[in-house]
Amino acid sequence: MPEPLIAVVGATGRQGGATARALRARYEPLPLDVLGDDEDLRAMFAWFGELPAYQGDVAATRALAPDTHDLPAWLAASGWSPGAPSRTAASTAAPS
């Protein structure tokens, strides 16, 4: 199986300038020791790694915040479409 690709987008410093390219990526687990002495950070990443993985309570979330979107609804509401430039990339591009 080929290594997965990730998209990397960066500001070029030119007007309208964001570049994108695909890079080879691989997952490599790291020990929690790389996080240093931050106990909260270590606890968070240890919890992320526990199985079964965290499952959000969508019904409880919607009871608290009825306008909460799932990913497909958020994508539709945001106007996202494949291949379109992201608003984030455009808004964070370095000024010329």
N, C-alpha and C. Protein backbone atom coordinates (compact mmCIF):
# COMPACT_ATOMS: atom_id res chain seq x y z
N MET A 1 0.84 -1.17 0.00
CA MET A 1 0.00 0.00 0.00
C MET A 1 0.89 1.24 0.00
N PRO A 2 0.64 2.20 -0.90
CA PRO A 2 1.49 3.39 -0.95
C PRO A 2 1.28 4.26 0.29
N GLU A 3 2.31 5.05 0.61
CA GLU A 3 2.18 5.97 1.74
C GLU A 3 1.10 6.99 1.42
N PRO A 4 0.31 7.41 2.44
CA PRO A 4 -0.72 8.41 2.17
C PRO A 4 -0.09 9.76 1.87
N LEU A 5 -0.84 10.59 1.18
CA LEU A 5 -0.38 11.93 0.87
C LEU A 5 -1.13 12.92 1.74
N ILE A 6 -0.47 13.99 2.12
CA ILE A 6 -1.12 15.08 2.82
C ILE A 6 -0.95 16.33 1.98
N ALA A 7 -1.91 17.23 2.06
CA ALA A 7 -1.80 18.49 1.35
C ALA A 7 -1.22 19.52 2.29
N VAL A 8 -0.25 20.24 1.81
CA VAL A 8 0.38 21.30 2.59
C VAL A 8 0.15 22.59 1.84
N VAL A 9 -0.42 23.56 2.53
CA VAL A 9 -0.68 24.86 1.93
C VAL A 9 0.08 25.89 2.72
N GLY A 10 0.76 26.78 2.03
CA GLY A 10 1.51 27.81 2.72
C GLY A 10 1.42 29.13 2.00
N ALA A 11 1.50 30.19 2.76
CA ALA A 11 1.49 31.53 2.17
C ALA A 11 2.82 31.77 1.47
N THR A 12 2.77 32.37 0.29
CA THR A 12 3.99 32.61 -0.47
C THR A 12 4.53 34.01 -0.27
N GLY A 13 3.73 34.91 0.30
CA GLY A 13 4.15 36.29 0.43
C GLY A 13 3.79 37.12 -0.79
N ARG A 14 3.28 36.49 -1.82
CA ARG A 14 2.83 37.22 -3.01
C ARG A 14 1.32 37.38 -2.94
N GLN A 15 0.82 38.42 -3.60
CA GLN A 15 -0.62 38.66 -3.58
C GLN A 15 -1.36 37.44 -4.12
N GLY A 16 -2.40 37.03 -3.39
CA GLY A 16 -3.17 35.86 -3.78
C GLY A 16 -2.38 34.59 -3.64
N GLY A 17 -1.25 34.66 -2.95
CA GLY A 17 -0.28 33.60 -3.03
C GLY A 17 -0.34 32.55 -1.97
N ALA A 18 -1.04 31.52 -2.24
CA ALA A 18 -0.94 30.31 -1.43
C ALA A 18 -0.50 29.22 -2.38
N THR A 19 0.42 28.41 -1.94
CA THR A 19 0.85 27.28 -2.76
C THR A 19 0.38 26.01 -2.10
N ALA A 20 0.18 25.02 -2.87
CA ALA A 20 -0.24 23.73 -2.33
C ALA A 20 0.55 22.64 -3.04
N ARG A 21 0.92 21.63 -2.27
CA ARG A 21 1.57 20.48 -2.88
C ARG A 21 1.32 19.28 -1.99
N ALA A 22 1.41 18.13 -2.58
CA ALA A 22 1.20 16.88 -1.84
C ALA A 22 2.55 16.35 -1.38
N LEU A 23 2.60 15.93 -0.14
CA LEU A 23 3.81 15.35 0.42
C LEU A 23 3.51 13.95 0.95
N ARG A 24 4.47 13.08 0.87
CA ARG A 24 4.31 11.75 1.44
C ARG A 24 4.25 11.90 2.96
N ALA A 25 3.41 11.11 3.58
CA ALA A 25 3.26 11.18 5.04
C ALA A 25 3.17 9.77 5.60
N ARG A 26 3.60 9.63 6.82
CA ARG A 26 3.42 8.35 7.50
C ARG A 26 3.12 8.63 8.96
N TYR A 27 2.39 7.76 9.56
CA TYR A 27 2.08 7.86 10.98
C TYR A 27 3.16 7.17 11.76
N GLU A 28 3.67 7.83 12.75
CA GLU A 28 4.68 7.23 13.60
C GLU A 28 4.33 7.56 15.05
N PRO A 29 3.87 6.57 15.81
CA PRO A 29 3.50 6.87 17.21
C PRO A 29 4.72 7.30 18.00
N LEU A 30 4.51 8.25 18.89
CA LEU A 30 5.58 8.75 19.74
C LEU A 30 5.21 8.50 21.20
N PRO A 31 6.19 8.30 22.06
CA PRO A 31 5.88 8.13 23.48
C PRO A 31 5.42 9.45 24.09
N LEU A 32 4.62 9.38 25.14
CA LEU A 32 4.14 10.59 25.79
C LEU A 32 5.27 11.43 26.35
N ASP A 33 6.43 10.85 26.54
CA ASP A 33 7.58 11.59 27.07
C ASP A 33 7.96 12.78 26.19
N VAL A 34 7.63 12.73 24.90
CA VAL A 34 8.00 13.85 24.02
C VAL A 34 7.21 15.12 24.37
N LEU A 35 6.16 14.97 25.18
CA LEU A 35 5.33 16.12 25.55
C LEU A 35 5.88 16.88 26.75
N GLY A 36 6.98 16.42 27.30
CA GLY A 36 7.60 17.14 28.42
C GLY A 36 6.84 16.95 29.72
N ASP A 37 6.87 17.99 30.55
CA ASP A 37 6.30 17.91 31.90
C ASP A 37 4.87 18.41 32.00
N ASP A 38 4.22 18.73 30.90
CA ASP A 38 2.85 19.25 30.94
C ASP A 38 1.88 18.09 31.18
N GLU A 39 1.47 17.94 32.42
CA GLU A 39 0.62 16.80 32.78
C GLU A 39 -0.74 16.83 32.09
N ASP A 40 -1.31 18.03 31.90
CA ASP A 40 -2.60 18.12 31.21
C ASP A 40 -2.47 17.65 29.77
N LEU A 41 -1.42 18.08 29.10
CA LEU A 41 -1.20 17.67 27.71
C LEU A 41 -0.98 16.17 27.62
N ARG A 42 -0.19 15.64 28.52
CA ARG A 42 0.07 14.20 28.54
C ARG A 42 -1.22 13.42 28.79
N ALA A 43 -2.03 13.89 29.74
CA ALA A 43 -3.30 13.22 30.05
C ALA A 43 -4.24 13.25 28.85
N MET A 44 -4.28 14.41 28.16
CA MET A 44 -5.16 14.53 26.99
C MET A 44 -4.77 13.52 25.91
N PHE A 45 -3.47 13.44 25.57
CA PHE A 45 -3.07 12.53 24.51
C PHE A 45 -3.16 11.06 24.94
N ALA A 46 -2.96 10.78 26.21
CA ALA A 46 -3.17 9.41 26.70
C ALA A 46 -4.64 9.03 26.53
N TRP A 47 -5.54 9.97 26.86
CA TRP A 47 -6.97 9.71 26.74
C TRP A 47 -7.37 9.51 25.28
N PHE A 48 -6.79 10.31 24.36
CA PHE A 48 -7.07 10.13 22.93
C PHE A 48 -6.71 8.72 22.47
N GLY A 49 -5.68 8.14 23.06
CA GLY A 49 -5.21 6.83 22.64
C GLY A 49 -5.94 5.66 23.25
N GLU A 50 -6.83 5.92 24.22
CA GLU A 50 -7.56 4.82 24.86
C GLU A 50 -8.63 4.28 23.93
N LEU A 51 -8.83 2.99 24.00
CA LEU A 51 -9.89 2.36 23.21
C LEU A 51 -10.97 1.85 24.15
N PRO A 52 -12.24 1.92 23.81
CA PRO A 52 -12.72 2.47 22.55
C PRO A 52 -12.51 3.98 22.52
N ALA A 53 -12.32 4.48 21.32
CA ALA A 53 -12.05 5.91 21.14
C ALA A 53 -13.23 6.74 21.62
N TYR A 54 -12.94 7.98 21.97
CA TYR A 54 -13.97 8.89 22.45
C TYR A 54 -15.08 9.01 21.43
N GLN A 55 -16.30 8.97 21.89
CA GLN A 55 -17.47 9.16 21.05
C GLN A 55 -18.29 10.31 21.63
N GLY A 56 -18.46 11.36 20.88
CA GLY A 56 -19.26 12.50 21.34
C GLY A 56 -20.72 12.13 21.45
N ASP A 57 -21.43 12.76 22.35
CA ASP A 57 -22.86 12.55 22.51
C ASP A 57 -23.58 13.64 21.70
N VAL A 58 -23.88 13.31 20.45
CA VAL A 58 -24.45 14.29 19.53
C VAL A 58 -25.82 14.77 20.02
N ALA A 59 -26.63 13.88 20.53
CA ALA A 59 -27.97 14.27 21.01
C ALA A 59 -27.86 15.26 22.18
N ALA A 60 -26.96 14.99 23.12
CA ALA A 60 -26.78 15.90 24.26
C ALA A 60 -26.21 17.24 23.79
N THR A 61 -25.30 17.20 22.82
CA THR A 61 -24.73 18.44 22.29
C THR A 61 -25.81 19.27 21.63
N ARG A 62 -26.65 18.65 20.83
CA ARG A 62 -27.72 19.38 20.14
C ARG A 62 -28.76 19.89 21.12
N ALA A 63 -28.96 19.19 22.25
CA ALA A 63 -29.89 19.69 23.27
C ALA A 63 -29.35 20.98 23.87
N LEU A 64 -28.03 21.08 24.02
CA LEU A 64 -27.41 22.29 24.57
C LEU A 64 -27.25 23.39 23.52
N ALA A 65 -26.98 23.00 22.29
CA ALA A 65 -26.74 23.96 21.20
C ALA A 65 -27.42 23.44 19.94
N PRO A 66 -28.72 23.75 19.78
CA PRO A 66 -29.50 23.18 18.68
C PRO A 66 -28.95 23.47 17.29
N ASP A 67 -28.18 24.54 17.12
CA ASP A 67 -27.68 24.86 15.78
C ASP A 67 -26.34 24.19 15.47
N THR A 68 -25.94 23.23 16.29
CA THR A 68 -24.71 22.49 16.05
C THR A 68 -24.82 21.68 14.76
N HIS A 69 -23.78 21.75 13.92
CA HIS A 69 -23.77 21.02 12.65
C HIS A 69 -22.91 19.77 12.76
N ASP A 70 -23.27 18.74 11.99
CA ASP A 70 -22.33 17.65 11.76
C ASP A 70 -21.46 18.09 10.58
N LEU A 71 -20.45 17.30 10.22
CA LEU A 71 -19.52 17.72 9.17
C LEU A 71 -20.23 17.99 7.83
N PRO A 72 -21.10 17.10 7.33
CA PRO A 72 -21.75 17.42 6.05
C PRO A 72 -22.57 18.71 6.10
N ALA A 73 -23.27 18.95 7.20
CA ALA A 73 -24.07 20.17 7.31
C ALA A 73 -23.17 21.40 7.39
N TRP A 74 -22.05 21.29 8.11
CA TRP A 74 -21.13 22.41 8.22
C TRP A 74 -20.50 22.73 6.86
N LEU A 75 -20.12 21.69 6.12
CA LEU A 75 -19.55 21.91 4.80
C LEU A 75 -20.55 22.60 3.88
N ALA A 76 -21.81 22.15 3.93
CA ALA A 76 -22.85 22.77 3.10
C ALA A 76 -23.07 24.23 3.51
N ALA A 77 -23.14 24.49 4.81
CA ALA A 77 -23.37 25.85 5.30
C ALA A 77 -22.20 26.77 5.00
N SER A 78 -21.00 26.22 4.95
CA SER A 78 -19.81 27.05 4.72
C SER A 78 -19.58 27.33 3.25
N GLY A 79 -20.28 26.61 2.38
CA GLY A 79 -20.08 26.78 0.95
C GLY A 79 -18.86 26.05 0.41
N TRP A 80 -18.30 25.16 1.21
CA TRP A 80 -17.11 24.41 0.79
C TRP A 80 -17.43 23.51 -0.38
N SER A 81 -16.48 23.41 -1.30
CA SER A 81 -16.59 22.43 -2.37
C SER A 81 -15.18 21.94 -2.70
N PRO A 82 -15.04 20.69 -3.17
CA PRO A 82 -13.71 20.16 -3.47
C PRO A 82 -13.01 21.03 -4.49
N GLY A 83 -11.74 21.32 -4.24
CA GLY A 83 -10.94 22.08 -5.17
C GLY A 83 -11.06 23.59 -5.04
N ALA A 84 -12.06 24.07 -4.29
CA ALA A 84 -12.20 25.52 -4.12
C ALA A 84 -11.19 26.01 -3.10
N PRO A 85 -10.66 27.21 -3.28
CA PRO A 85 -9.73 27.73 -2.27
C PRO A 85 -10.45 27.91 -0.95
N SER A 86 -9.77 27.59 0.12
CA SER A 86 -10.41 27.72 1.43
C SER A 86 -10.40 29.18 1.87
N ARG A 87 -11.39 29.54 2.66
CA ARG A 87 -11.43 30.90 3.21
C ARG A 87 -10.27 31.10 4.16
N THR A 88 -9.90 30.06 4.88
CA THR A 88 -8.81 30.17 5.85
C THR A 88 -7.50 30.46 5.14
N ALA A 89 -7.20 29.75 4.07
CA ALA A 89 -5.96 29.98 3.34
C ALA A 89 -5.91 31.39 2.79
N ALA A 90 -7.04 31.86 2.27
CA ALA A 90 -7.08 33.21 1.72
C ALA A 90 -6.93 34.25 2.81
N SER A 91 -7.54 34.01 3.97
CA SER A 91 -7.49 35.03 5.03
C SER A 91 -6.18 35.03 5.78
N THR A 92 -5.38 33.96 5.67
CA THR A 92 -4.11 33.92 6.40
C THR A 92 -2.91 34.13 5.50
N ALA A 93 -3.14 34.36 4.21
CA ALA A 93 -2.02 34.58 3.29
C ALA A 93 -1.29 35.86 3.69
N ALA A 94 0.03 35.82 3.59
CA ALA A 94 0.83 36.99 3.95
C ALA A 94 0.54 38.15 3.01
N PRO A 95 0.45 39.36 3.56
CA PRO A 95 0.21 40.51 2.67
C PRO A 95 1.39 40.74 1.74
N SER A 96 1.11 41.30 0.58
CA SER A 96 2.20 41.54 -0.37
C SER A 96 2.91 42.84 -0.05
